[in-house]
């Protein structure tokens, strides 16, 4: 009888009152501009935003979703990092993970219909072929996707003429 020895959980949620919250988030991000620097193939404010005030403002806007997720996990949560990423035409993100513990989230703030969503890499190879298994998630603008922080993920090049923009954050359980 086949059983699973391991599995990787994920959670998918829609943002309530998305248009209102999107406007508030865009206003917040105006004070924390993104930059393209070094080897990055995208714009982000991750390396420059370490202010607790920014985190608190973000959590205030997204409190309904964060509290709902905490209830789902039956745990108290703390947002420990928040940043935005924008992908212009041709921009992409190479495979990476965030931490060995905790949960990472992606909110799709602007997701043109011809822009790729995040692709996740299974943490083990296929048992028959030894192939690396990749899964692109089916999300829309206003969706949040939560995964364990250790899961490798990436973004294929944005082929849209419009900007794809996400906000990511890392969560730890208290």
C-alpha atoms as a PDB file:
ATOM      1  CA  UNK A   1       0.000   0.000   0.000  1.00  0.00           C
ATOM      2  CA  UNK A   2       1.394   3.374  -1.054  1.00  0.00           C
ATOM      3  CA  UNK A   3       1.716   6.048   1.579  1.00  0.00           C
ATOM      4  CA  UNK A   4       3.592   9.328   1.686  1.00  0.00           C
ATOM      5  CA  UNK A   5       6.641   9.442   3.893  1.00  0.00           C
ATOM      6  CA  UNK A   6       6.890  13.222   3.464  1.00  0.00           C
ATOM      7  CA  UNK A   7       4.841  15.996   1.940  1.00  0.00           C
ATOM      8  CA  UNK A   8       5.314  19.727   1.511  1.00  0.00           C
ATOM      9  CA  UNK A   9       2.310  21.801   2.624  1.00  0.00           C
ATOM     10  CA  UNK A  10       1.231  25.028   0.975  1.00  0.00           C
ATOM     11  CA  UNK A  11      -1.613  27.472   1.465  1.00  0.00           C
ATOM     12  CA  UNK A  12      -3.370  29.631  -1.126  1.00  0.00           C
ATOM     13  CA  UNK A  13      -5.585  32.570  -0.160  1.00  0.00           C
ATOM     14  CA  UNK A  14      -7.256  35.539  -1.807  1.00  0.00           C
ATOM     15  CA  UNK A  15      -6.820  39.027  -0.335  1.00  0.00           C
ATOM     16  CA  UNK A  16     -10.078  40.441   0.991  1.00  0.00           C
ATOM     17  CA  UNK A  17     -10.894  43.935  -0.355  1.00  0.00           C
ATOM     18  CA  UNK A  18      -7.905  43.593  -2.672  1.00  0.00           C
ATOM     19  CA  UNK A  19      -8.301  46.835  -4.637  1.00  0.00           C
ATOM     20  CA  UNK A  20      -8.387  48.924  -1.444  1.00  0.00           C
ATOM     21  CA  UNK A  21      -5.416  47.088   0.084  1.00  0.00           C
ATOM     22  CA  UNK A  22      -3.505  47.228  -3.195  1.00  0.00           C
ATOM     23  CA  UNK A  23      -3.852  51.008  -3.197  1.00  0.00           C
ATOM     24  CA  UNK A  24      -2.648  51.183   0.425  1.00  0.00           C
ATOM     25  CA  UNK A  25       0.310  48.902  -0.331  1.00  0.00           C
ATOM     26  CA  UNK A  26       1.324  50.913  -3.391  1.00  0.00           C
ATOM     27  CA  UNK A  27       1.211  54.090  -1.283  1.00  0.00           C
ATOM     28  CA  UNK A  28       3.373  52.395   1.372  1.00  0.00           C
ATOM     29  CA  UNK A  29       5.908  51.208  -1.212  1.00  0.00           C
ATOM     30  CA  UNK A  30       6.388  54.751  -2.550  1.00  0.00           C
ATOM     31  CA  UNK A  31       8.437  55.443   0.588  1.00  0.00           C
ATOM     32  CA  UNK A  32      10.580  52.322   0.012  1.00  0.00           C
ATOM     33  CA  UNK A  33      11.707  52.406  -3.632  1.00  0.00           C
ATOM     34  CA  UNK A  34      13.133  49.370  -5.365  1.00  0.00           C
ATOM     35  CA  UNK A  35      16.587  49.244  -6.951  1.00  0.00           C
ATOM     36  CA  UNK A  36      18.283  47.018  -9.500  1.00  0.00           C
ATOM     37  CA  UNK A  37      21.832  46.423  -8.418  1.00  0.00           C
ATOM     38  CA  UNK A  38      24.661  43.926  -8.635  1.00  0.00           C
ATOM     39  CA  UNK A  39      23.784  40.588 -10.150  1.00  0.00           C
ATOM     40  CA  UNK A  40      20.049  40.996  -9.612  1.00  0.00           C
ATOM     41  CA  UNK A  41      17.839  40.576 -12.655  1.00  0.00           C
ATOM     42  CA  UNK A  42      14.899  42.442 -11.077  1.00  0.00           C
ATOM     43  CA  UNK A  43      14.083  45.479  -8.934  1.00  0.00           C
ATOM     44  CA  UNK A  44      13.701  45.051  -5.163  1.00  0.00           C
ATOM     45  CA  UNK A  45      13.864  46.926  -1.889  1.00  0.00           C
ATOM     46  CA  UNK A  46      14.868  43.834   0.136  1.00  0.00           C
ATOM     47  CA  UNK A  47      18.438  44.890   0.817  1.00  0.00           C
ATOM     48  CA  UNK A  48      17.546  48.450   1.743  1.00  0.00           C
ATOM     49  CA  UNK A  49      14.384  48.075   3.872  1.00  0.00           C
ATOM     50  CA  UNK A  50      15.038  46.878   7.403  1.00  0.00           C
ATOM     51  CA  UNK A  51      12.791  49.305   9.253  1.00  0.00           C
ATOM     52  CA  UNK A  52      10.321  47.862  11.759  1.00  0.00           C
ATOM     53  CA  UNK A  53       7.986  50.774  10.928  1.00  0.00           C
ATOM     54  CA  UNK A  54       7.681  49.419   7.363  1.00  0.00           C
ATOM     55  CA  UNK A  55       6.868  45.930   8.687  1.00  0.00           C
ATOM     56  CA  UNK A  56       4.252  47.323  11.080  1.00  0.00           C
ATOM     57  CA  UNK A  57       2.550  49.339   8.330  1.00  0.00           C
ATOM     58  CA  UNK A  58       2.503  46.287   6.068  1.00  0.00           C
ATOM     59  CA  UNK A  59       1.079  44.065   8.835  1.00  0.00           C
ATOM     60  CA  UNK A  60      -1.560  46.704   9.588  1.00  0.00           C
ATOM     61  CA  UNK A  61      -2.767  46.650   5.974  1.00  0.00           C
ATOM     62  CA  UNK A  62      -2.608  42.836   5.701  1.00  0.00           C
ATOM     63  CA  UNK A  63      -3.772  42.015   9.241  1.00  0.00           C
ATOM     64  CA  UNK A  64      -6.961  40.254   8.117  1.00  0.00           C
ATOM     65  CA  UNK A  65      -5.037  37.791   5.943  1.00  0.00           C
ATOM     66  CA  UNK A  66      -2.186  37.315   8.437  1.00  0.00           C
ATOM     67  CA  UNK A  67      -4.656  36.667  11.279  1.00  0.00           C
ATOM     68  CA  UNK A  68      -6.624  34.231   9.122  1.00  0.00           C
ATOM     69  CA  UNK A  69      -3.417  32.367   8.293  1.00  0.00           C
ATOM     70  CA  UNK A  70      -2.437  32.284  11.996  1.00  0.00           C
ATOM     71  CA  UNK A  71      -5.827  30.707  12.796  1.00  0.00           C
ATOM     72  CA  UNK A  72      -5.307  28.170  10.012  1.00  0.00           C
ATOM     73  CA  UNK A  73      -1.945  27.196  11.535  1.00  0.00           C
ATOM     74  CA  UNK A  74      -3.328  27.434  15.088  1.00  0.00           C
ATOM     75  CA  UNK A  75      -0.246  29.428  15.991  1.00  0.00           C
ATOM     76  CA  UNK A  76       0.841  32.971  16.761  1.00  0.00           C
ATOM     77  CA  UNK A  77       2.914  34.452  13.952  1.00  0.00           C
ATOM     78  CA  UNK A  78       5.497  37.170  13.560  1.00  0.00           C
ATOM     79  CA  UNK A  79       6.386  38.790  10.246  1.00  0.00           C
ATOM     80  CA  UNK A  80      10.184  38.994  10.293  1.00  0.00           C
ATOM     81  CA  UNK A  81      10.932  40.398   6.836  1.00  0.00           C
ATOM     82  CA  UNK A  82       8.930  42.177   4.102  1.00  0.00           C
ATOM     83  CA  UNK A  83      10.059  43.350   0.671  1.00  0.00           C
ATOM     84  CA  UNK A  84       8.766  44.010  -2.816  1.00  0.00           C
ATOM     85  CA  UNK A  85      10.051  42.868  -6.196  1.00  0.00           C
ATOM     86  CA  UNK A  86       9.213  44.242  -9.631  1.00  0.00           C
ATOM     87  CA  UNK A  87       9.952  42.415 -12.864  1.00  0.00           C
ATOM     88  CA  UNK A  88      10.124  44.514 -16.024  1.00  0.00           C
ATOM     89  CA  UNK A  89      10.132  42.821 -19.436  1.00  0.00           C
ATOM     90  CA  UNK A  90      12.896  40.180 -19.443  1.00  0.00           C
ATOM     91  CA  UNK A  91      13.538  40.344 -15.675  1.00  0.00           C
ATOM     92  CA  UNK A  92      13.680  37.061 -13.760  1.00  0.00           C
ATOM     93  CA  UNK A  93      14.717  35.496 -10.444  1.00  0.00           C
ATOM     94  CA  UNK A  94      17.067  32.515 -10.117  1.00  0.00           C
ATOM     95  CA  UNK A  95      16.295  29.528  -7.830  1.00  0.00           C
ATOM     96  CA  UNK A  96      16.588  30.416  -4.153  1.00  0.00           C
ATOM     97  CA  UNK A  97      15.042  29.721  -0.771  1.00  0.00           C
ATOM     98  CA  UNK A  98      14.575  32.008   2.208  1.00  0.00           C
ATOM     99  CA  UNK A  99      15.366  30.131   5.417  1.00  0.00           C
ATOM    100  CA  UNK A 100      15.576  26.603   6.768  1.00  0.00           C
ATOM    101  CA  UNK A 101      12.593  27.282   9.062  1.00  0.00           C
ATOM    102  CA  UNK A 102       9.438  29.330   8.893  1.00  0.00           C
ATOM    103  CA  UNK A 103       7.010  30.163   6.123  1.00  0.00           C
ATOM    104  CA  UNK A 104       7.381  32.520   3.186  1.00  0.00           C
ATOM    105  CA  UNK A 105       4.543  34.248   1.386  1.00  0.00           C
ATOM    106  CA  UNK A 106       4.099  35.875  -2.006  1.00  0.00           C
ATOM    107  CA  UNK A 107       1.337  38.384  -2.681  1.00  0.00           C
ATOM    108  CA  UNK A 108       0.759  38.985  -6.379  1.00  0.00           C
ATOM    109  CA  UNK A 109       0.215  42.751  -6.424  1.00  0.00           C
ATOM    110  CA  UNK A 110       0.431  43.217 -10.217  1.00  0.00           C
ATOM    111  CA  UNK A 111       0.302  40.068 -12.343  1.00  0.00           C
ATOM    112  CA  UNK A 112      -0.249  40.655 -16.052  1.00  0.00           C
ATOM    113  CA  UNK A 113      -1.998  37.716 -17.720  1.00  0.00           C
ATOM    114  CA  UNK A 114       1.090  36.956 -19.835  1.00  0.00           C
ATOM    115  CA  UNK A 115       3.519  37.107 -16.902  1.00  0.00           C
ATOM    116  CA  UNK A 116       4.783  33.960 -15.142  1.00  0.00           C
ATOM    117  CA  UNK A 117       3.849  33.069 -11.590  1.00  0.00           C
ATOM    118  CA  UNK A 118       6.385  31.592  -9.199  1.00  0.00           C
ATOM    119  CA  UNK A 119       7.794  28.138  -9.960  1.00  0.00           C
ATOM    120  CA  UNK A 120       8.569  25.852  -7.008  1.00  0.00           C
ATOM    121  CA  UNK A 121      11.128  23.036  -7.007  1.00  0.00           C
ATOM    122  CA  UNK A 122      10.319  19.776  -5.229  1.00  0.00           C
ATOM    123  CA  UNK A 123      12.960  19.169  -2.524  1.00  0.00           C
ATOM    124  CA  UNK A 124      13.698  15.654  -3.855  1.00  0.00           C
ATOM    125  CA  UNK A 125      14.078  14.125  -7.304  1.00  0.00           C
ATOM    126  CA  UNK A 126      11.480  11.965  -9.033  1.00  0.00           C
ATOM    127  CA  UNK A 127      11.872   8.349  -7.843  1.00  0.00           C
ATOM    128  CA  UNK A 128      11.656   6.849 -11.348  1.00  0.00           C
ATOM    129  CA  UNK A 129      13.447   9.333 -13.576  1.00  0.00           C
ATOM    130  CA  UNK A 130      15.635  11.220 -11.063  1.00  0.00           C
ATOM    131  CA  UNK A 131      14.306  14.389 -12.714  1.00  0.00           C
ATOM    132  CA  UNK A 132      13.896  17.618 -10.798  1.00  0.00           C
ATOM    133  CA  UNK A 133      10.186  18.278 -10.384  1.00  0.00           C
ATOM    134  CA  UNK A 134       8.991  21.862 -10.831  1.00  0.00           C
ATOM    135  CA  UNK A 135       5.512  23.242 -10.265  1.00  0.00           C
ATOM    136  CA  UNK A 136       4.232  26.626 -11.404  1.00  0.00           C
ATOM    137  CA  UNK A 137       1.335  27.715  -9.263  1.00  0.00           C
ATOM    138  CA  UNK A 138      -1.986  28.881 -10.654  1.00  0.00           C
ATOM    139  CA  UNK A 139      -2.469  32.305  -9.097  1.00  0.00           C
ATOM    140  CA  UNK A 140      -4.101  35.570 -10.015  1.00  0.00           C
ATOM    141  CA  UNK A 141      -3.537  39.160  -8.981  1.00  0.00           C
ATOM    142  CA  UNK A 142      -4.625  39.506  -5.350  1.00  0.00           C
ATOM    143  CA  UNK A 143      -3.649  35.948  -4.393  1.00  0.00           C
ATOM    144  CA  UNK A 144      -1.214  35.011  -1.632  1.00  0.00           C
ATOM    145  CA  UNK A 145       0.749  31.780  -1.791  1.00  0.00           C
ATOM    146  CA  UNK A 146       2.403  30.456   1.401  1.00  0.00           C
ATOM    147  CA  UNK A 147       5.115  27.737   1.443  1.00  0.00           C
ATOM    148  CA  UNK A 148       7.728  26.511   3.889  1.00  0.00           C
ATOM    149  CA  UNK A 149      10.697  28.873   3.610  1.00  0.00           C
ATOM    150  CA  UNK A 150      13.116  26.072   2.686  1.00  0.00           C
ATOM    151  CA  UNK A 151      11.402  25.371  -0.666  1.00  0.00           C
ATOM    152  CA  UNK A 152      13.478  26.480  -3.642  1.00  0.00           C
ATOM    153  CA  UNK A 153      11.598  28.701  -6.054  1.00  0.00           C
ATOM    154  CA  UNK A 154      12.205  31.086  -8.959  1.00  0.00           C
ATOM    155  CA  UNK A 155      10.513  33.298 -11.504  1.00  0.00           C
ATOM    156  CA  UNK A 156      10.912  32.779 -15.230  1.00  0.00           C
ATOM    157  CA  UNK A 157      11.568  35.886 -17.351  1.00  0.00           C
ATOM    158  CA  UNK A 158       8.660  38.288 -17.516  1.00  0.00           C
ATOM    159  CA  UNK A 159       7.609  38.243 -21.161  1.00  0.00           C
ATOM    160  CA  UNK A 160       4.875  40.827 -20.615  1.00  0.00           C
ATOM    161  CA  UNK A 161       5.291  44.444 -21.638  1.00  0.00           C
ATOM    162  CA  UNK A 162       3.714  45.265 -18.253  1.00  0.00           C
ATOM    163  CA  UNK A 163       5.461  45.090 -14.872  1.00  0.00           C
ATOM    164  CA  UNK A 164       4.871  42.110 -12.630  1.00  0.00           C
ATOM    165  CA  UNK A 165       5.070  43.155  -8.959  1.00  0.00           C
ATOM    166  CA  UNK A 166       4.964  41.035  -5.841  1.00  0.00           C
ATOM    167  CA  UNK A 167       5.357  41.565  -2.130  1.00  0.00           C
ATOM    168  CA  UNK A 168       7.016  38.766  -0.178  1.00  0.00           C
ATOM    169  CA  UNK A 169       7.372  38.231   3.513  1.00  0.00           C
ATOM    170  CA  UNK A 170       8.829  35.704   5.888  1.00  0.00           C
ATOM    171  CA  UNK A 171       6.925  34.483   8.926  1.00  0.00           C
ATOM    172  CA  UNK A 172       8.012  32.627  12.003  1.00  0.00           C
ATOM    173  CA  UNK A 173       5.718  30.801  14.388  1.00  0.00           C
ATOM    174  CA  UNK A 174       5.907  31.931  17.999  1.00  0.00           C
END
